[in-house]
Amino acid sequence: MFSGIVAACGRIERIDPLQDGVRLTVDVADLDLSDVQLGDSIANSGVCLTVIATDGPRVQFDVSRETLNCTAGLDAVGNEVNLEKALRLADRLGGHLVTGHVDGVGEVVRFVPVGESHDLVIRAPAALAGYIARKGSVTVNGVSLTVNRVEGTEFSINLIPHTVAVTNLKHLAAGSRVNLEIDLIARYCERLLAWREESAQ
């Protein structure tokens, strides 16, 4: 479990093919690894990955073909990734509850400066659009963000300068693909309502 508060930005240094996926070597830069052990989880741009090896600031992760097929940003050397270690029970929940299980890939429609901030508009897959609500939470590339506006499958977010400066969202442009995770509460509410309808039949 994560909070969507990015701790550092890393960079993919190497991608080695596996039988059914790849092994990523990520330079995690300033991410504190003093309490990280093999088997721990670190979110890479919103994708929960398991640490399989460390060597100084370099961490290796195995990524399945299925994960590569339903996410963005983990498939090219040089890509910058947002990093967050898994929460401990005593940690502050600065963002919202994030599982690290990407629900779908969205497309950036617009990313433009507005005053000192940026206006980010994303088109969500139709299957996810109903879970995204005005003033609700959504995770974009592992970053916990608040939705300002929703129109059909498109939603907009106001990014403050700090968020742009310390995450890989600074590299976005129209047409960029981003990892989306819907709010966990919305997911369970939808399932509860569906189950009630099924049970009543």
Protein backbone atom coordinates (compact mmCIF):
# COMPACT_ATOMS: atom_id res chain seq x y z
CA MET A 1 0.00 0.00 0.00
CA PHE A 2 1.19 3.51 -0.88
CA SER A 3 0.06 7.11 -0.38
CA GLY A 4 0.85 8.62 -3.79
CA ILE A 5 3.44 10.99 -2.30
CA VAL A 6 6.52 10.63 -4.50
CA ALA A 7 9.78 10.34 -2.53
CA ALA A 8 12.23 10.57 -5.44
CA CYS A 9 12.59 10.31 -9.19
CA GLY A 10 14.71 7.52 -10.61
CA ARG A 11 15.76 6.54 -14.10
CA ILE A 12 15.63 3.21 -15.93
CA GLU A 13 19.26 2.32 -16.68
CA ARG A 14 18.87 -1.13 -18.17
CA ILE A 15 16.21 -3.51 -19.44
CA ASP A 16 17.06 -7.20 -19.73
CA PRO A 17 14.60 -9.58 -21.41
CA LEU A 18 13.21 -12.51 -19.45
CA GLN A 19 11.20 -15.46 -20.72
CA ASP A 20 7.92 -13.65 -20.04
CA GLY A 21 8.77 -10.05 -19.19
CA VAL A 22 11.82 -7.96 -18.38
CA ARG A 23 14.24 -7.18 -15.56
CA LEU A 24 14.55 -3.46 -14.88
CA THR A 25 17.62 -1.84 -13.37
CA VAL A 26 16.63 1.53 -11.93
CA ASP A 27 18.95 4.20 -10.57
CA VAL A 28 16.82 5.36 -7.64
CA ALA A 29 18.91 8.52 -7.11
CA ASP A 30 18.05 10.09 -3.74
CA LEU A 31 15.59 7.43 -2.55
CA ASP A 32 16.66 6.25 0.92
CA LEU A 33 17.34 2.50 0.70
CA SER A 34 18.60 2.07 4.26
CA ASP A 35 15.43 0.24 5.31
CA VAL A 36 14.78 -1.57 2.02
CA GLN A 37 15.21 -5.35 1.89
CA LEU A 38 14.86 -7.94 -0.85
CA GLY A 39 11.18 -8.64 -1.37
CA ASP A 40 10.05 -5.14 -0.40
CA SER A 41 7.70 -3.18 -2.64
CA ILE A 42 8.56 0.08 -4.38
CA ALA A 43 6.12 1.84 -6.68
CA ASN A 44 7.60 2.87 -10.02
CA SER A 45 5.32 5.48 -11.63
CA GLY A 46 2.37 3.91 -9.86
CA VAL A 47 3.30 0.27 -10.54
CA CYS A 48 4.02 -1.82 -7.43
CA LEU A 49 7.22 -3.77 -8.08
CA THR A 50 9.21 -6.15 -5.88
CA VAL A 51 12.87 -5.51 -5.12
CA ILE A 52 14.94 -8.50 -6.27
CA ALA A 53 18.45 -7.00 -5.95
CA THR A 54 20.23 -3.82 -4.88
CA ASP A 55 23.68 -2.45 -5.72
CA GLY A 56 24.28 0.99 -4.26
CA PRO A 57 21.65 3.31 -5.75
CA ARG A 58 20.62 0.70 -8.32
CA VAL A 59 17.62 -1.52 -7.71
CA GLN A 60 16.39 -4.38 -9.88
CA PHE A 61 12.79 -5.39 -10.45
CA ASP A 62 11.22 -8.16 -12.53
CA VAL A 63 8.22 -7.00 -14.57
CA SER A 64 5.83 -9.49 -16.15
CA ARG A 65 4.66 -9.20 -19.74
CA GLU A 66 1.11 -8.69 -18.45
CA THR A 67 2.23 -5.67 -16.40
CA LEU A 68 4.09 -4.20 -19.38
CA ASN A 69 1.01 -4.65 -21.57
CA CYS A 70 -1.29 -2.65 -19.25
CA THR A 71 1.02 0.14 -18.06
CA ALA A 72 3.13 2.94 -19.53
CA GLY A 73 6.67 4.15 -18.96
CA LEU A 74 8.47 0.95 -17.93
CA ASP A 75 9.58 -0.09 -21.40
CA ALA A 76 12.45 2.26 -22.35
CA VAL A 77 15.94 2.92 -21.04
CA GLY A 78 16.25 6.53 -19.88
CA ASN A 79 12.63 6.89 -18.78
CA GLU A 80 12.22 8.74 -15.51
CA VAL A 81 10.05 7.00 -12.91
CA ASN A 82 8.34 8.31 -9.79
CA LEU A 83 9.41 6.29 -6.75
CA GLU A 84 7.66 5.57 -3.47
CA LYS A 85 8.41 2.92 -0.87
CA ALA A 86 5.51 0.98 0.61
CA LEU A 87 3.79 2.57 3.60
CA ARG A 88 4.43 1.56 7.17
CA LEU A 89 1.48 1.63 9.58
CA ALA A 90 3.00 4.59 11.44
CA ASP A 91 3.48 6.72 8.30
CA ARG A 92 1.48 9.83 7.54
CA LEU A 93 -1.10 9.39 4.80
CA GLY A 94 -0.34 12.58 2.91
CA GLY A 95 -2.14 11.56 -0.28
CA HIS A 96 -4.74 8.79 -0.38
CA LEU A 97 -4.73 4.99 -0.20
CA VAL A 98 -2.98 3.69 -3.33
CA THR A 99 -2.49 -0.01 -4.10
CA GLY A 100 0.08 0.26 -6.87
CA HIS A 101 -2.19 -1.76 -9.17
CA VAL A 102 -2.67 0.29 -12.33
CA ASP A 103 -6.27 0.23 -13.56
CA GLY A 104 -5.58 1.58 -17.02
CA VAL A 105 -3.57 3.93 -19.19
CA GLY A 106 -4.84 7.43 -19.90
CA GLU A 107 -3.82 9.91 -22.59
CA VAL A 108 -2.81 13.51 -21.93
CA VAL A 109 -5.04 15.91 -23.84
CA ARG A 110 -3.47 19.13 -22.58
CA PHE A 111 -0.62 20.15 -20.27
CA VAL A 112 -0.17 23.91 -20.16
CA PRO A 113 1.04 26.49 -17.65
CA VAL A 114 -1.65 28.61 -15.99
CA GLY A 115 -0.07 31.28 -13.82
CA GLU A 116 2.44 29.54 -11.57
CA SER A 117 0.67 26.18 -11.90
CA HIS A 118 -0.13 23.77 -14.74
CA ASP A 119 -3.47 22.59 -16.09
CA LEU A 120 -3.36 18.86 -16.85
CA VAL A 121 -6.22 17.30 -18.82
CA ILE A 122 -6.31 13.52 -19.24
CA ARG A 123 -8.63 11.27 -21.23
CA ALA A 124 -9.36 8.13 -19.23
CA PRO A 125 -10.39 4.78 -20.72
CA ALA A 126 -14.18 4.60 -20.87
CA ALA A 127 -14.22 1.72 -18.38
CA LEU A 128 -12.56 3.93 -15.75
CA ALA A 129 -14.25 7.27 -16.40
CA GLY A 130 -17.20 6.54 -14.12
CA TYR A 131 -14.90 6.12 -11.12
CA ILE A 132 -13.36 9.58 -11.48
CA ALA A 133 -15.22 12.34 -9.63
CA ARG A 134 -14.81 16.08 -9.15
CA LYS A 135 -12.82 16.75 -5.96
CA GLY A 136 -12.08 13.04 -5.74
CA SER A 137 -8.65 11.42 -5.74
CA VAL A 138 -6.88 9.79 -8.66
CA THR A 139 -3.33 8.49 -9.07
CA VAL A 140 -1.39 9.59 -12.17
CA ASN A 141 2.01 7.91 -12.65
CA GLY A 142 1.96 7.12 -8.94
CA VAL A 143 1.16 10.70 -7.86
CA SER A 144 -1.90 11.29 -5.65
CA LEU A 145 -3.87 14.15 -7.21
CA THR A 146 -7.22 15.88 -6.75
CA VAL A 147 -9.61 16.07 -9.71
CA ASN A 148 -10.84 19.60 -10.46
CA ARG A 149 -13.28 18.92 -13.29
CA VAL A 150 -14.81 15.98 -15.14
CA GLU A 151 -16.40 16.07 -18.59
CA GLY A 152 -17.24 12.70 -20.11
CA THR A 153 -14.05 10.65 -20.18
CA GLU A 154 -11.81 13.69 -19.67
CA PHE A 155 -10.76 15.12 -16.33
CA SER A 156 -8.54 18.03 -15.33
CA ILE A 157 -6.06 18.53 -12.52
CA ASN A 158 -4.27 21.64 -11.28
CA LEU A 159 -0.60 20.86 -10.66
CA ILE A 160 1.24 23.13 -8.25
CA PRO A 161 4.89 24.00 -9.04
CA HIS A 162 6.25 21.63 -6.37
CA THR A 163 4.50 18.60 -7.87
CA VAL A 164 5.77 19.44 -11.34
CA ALA A 165 9.31 19.98 -10.07
CA VAL A 166 9.68 16.74 -8.08
CA THR A 167 7.88 14.22 -10.31
CA ASN A 168 8.10 12.95 -13.88
CA LEU A 169 4.86 14.79 -14.68
CA LYS A 170 7.09 17.67 -15.82
CA HIS A 171 7.80 15.68 -19.02
CA LEU A 172 4.15 15.32 -20.06
CA ALA A 173 2.78 16.67 -23.32
CA ALA A 174 -0.34 16.14 -25.40
CA GLY A 175 -0.39 12.49 -26.43
CA SER A 176 1.66 11.21 -23.47
CA ARG A 177 0.42 7.98 -21.90
CA VAL A 178 0.04 7.87 -18.12
CA ASN A 179 -0.69 5.17 -15.56
CA LEU A 180 -4.03 5.66 -13.80
CA GLU A 181 -5.28 4.12 -10.59
CA ILE A 182 -8.81 4.95 -9.46
CA ASP A 183 -9.73 5.62 -5.86
CA LEU A 184 -9.93 2.43 -3.80
CA ILE A 185 -13.15 3.53 -2.09
CA ALA A 186 -14.88 4.07 -5.45
CA ARG A 187 -13.90 0.57 -6.52
CA TYR A 188 -15.47 -1.03 -3.42
CA CYS A 189 -18.60 1.12 -3.59
CA GLU A 190 -19.17 -0.01 -7.18
CA ARG A 191 -18.74 -3.66 -6.24
CA LEU A 192 -21.06 -3.35 -3.23
CA LEU A 193 -23.83 -1.81 -5.32
CA ALA A 194 -23.38 -4.42 -8.06
CA TRP A 195 -23.53 -7.24 -5.50
CA ARG A 196 -26.72 -5.87 -3.99
CA GLU A 197 -28.35 -5.83 -7.43
CA GLU A 198 -27.16 -9.38 -8.15
CA SER A 199 -28.41 -10.64 -4.78
CA ALA A 200 -31.83 -9.04 -5.27
CA GLN A 201 -32.44 -10.92 -8.52
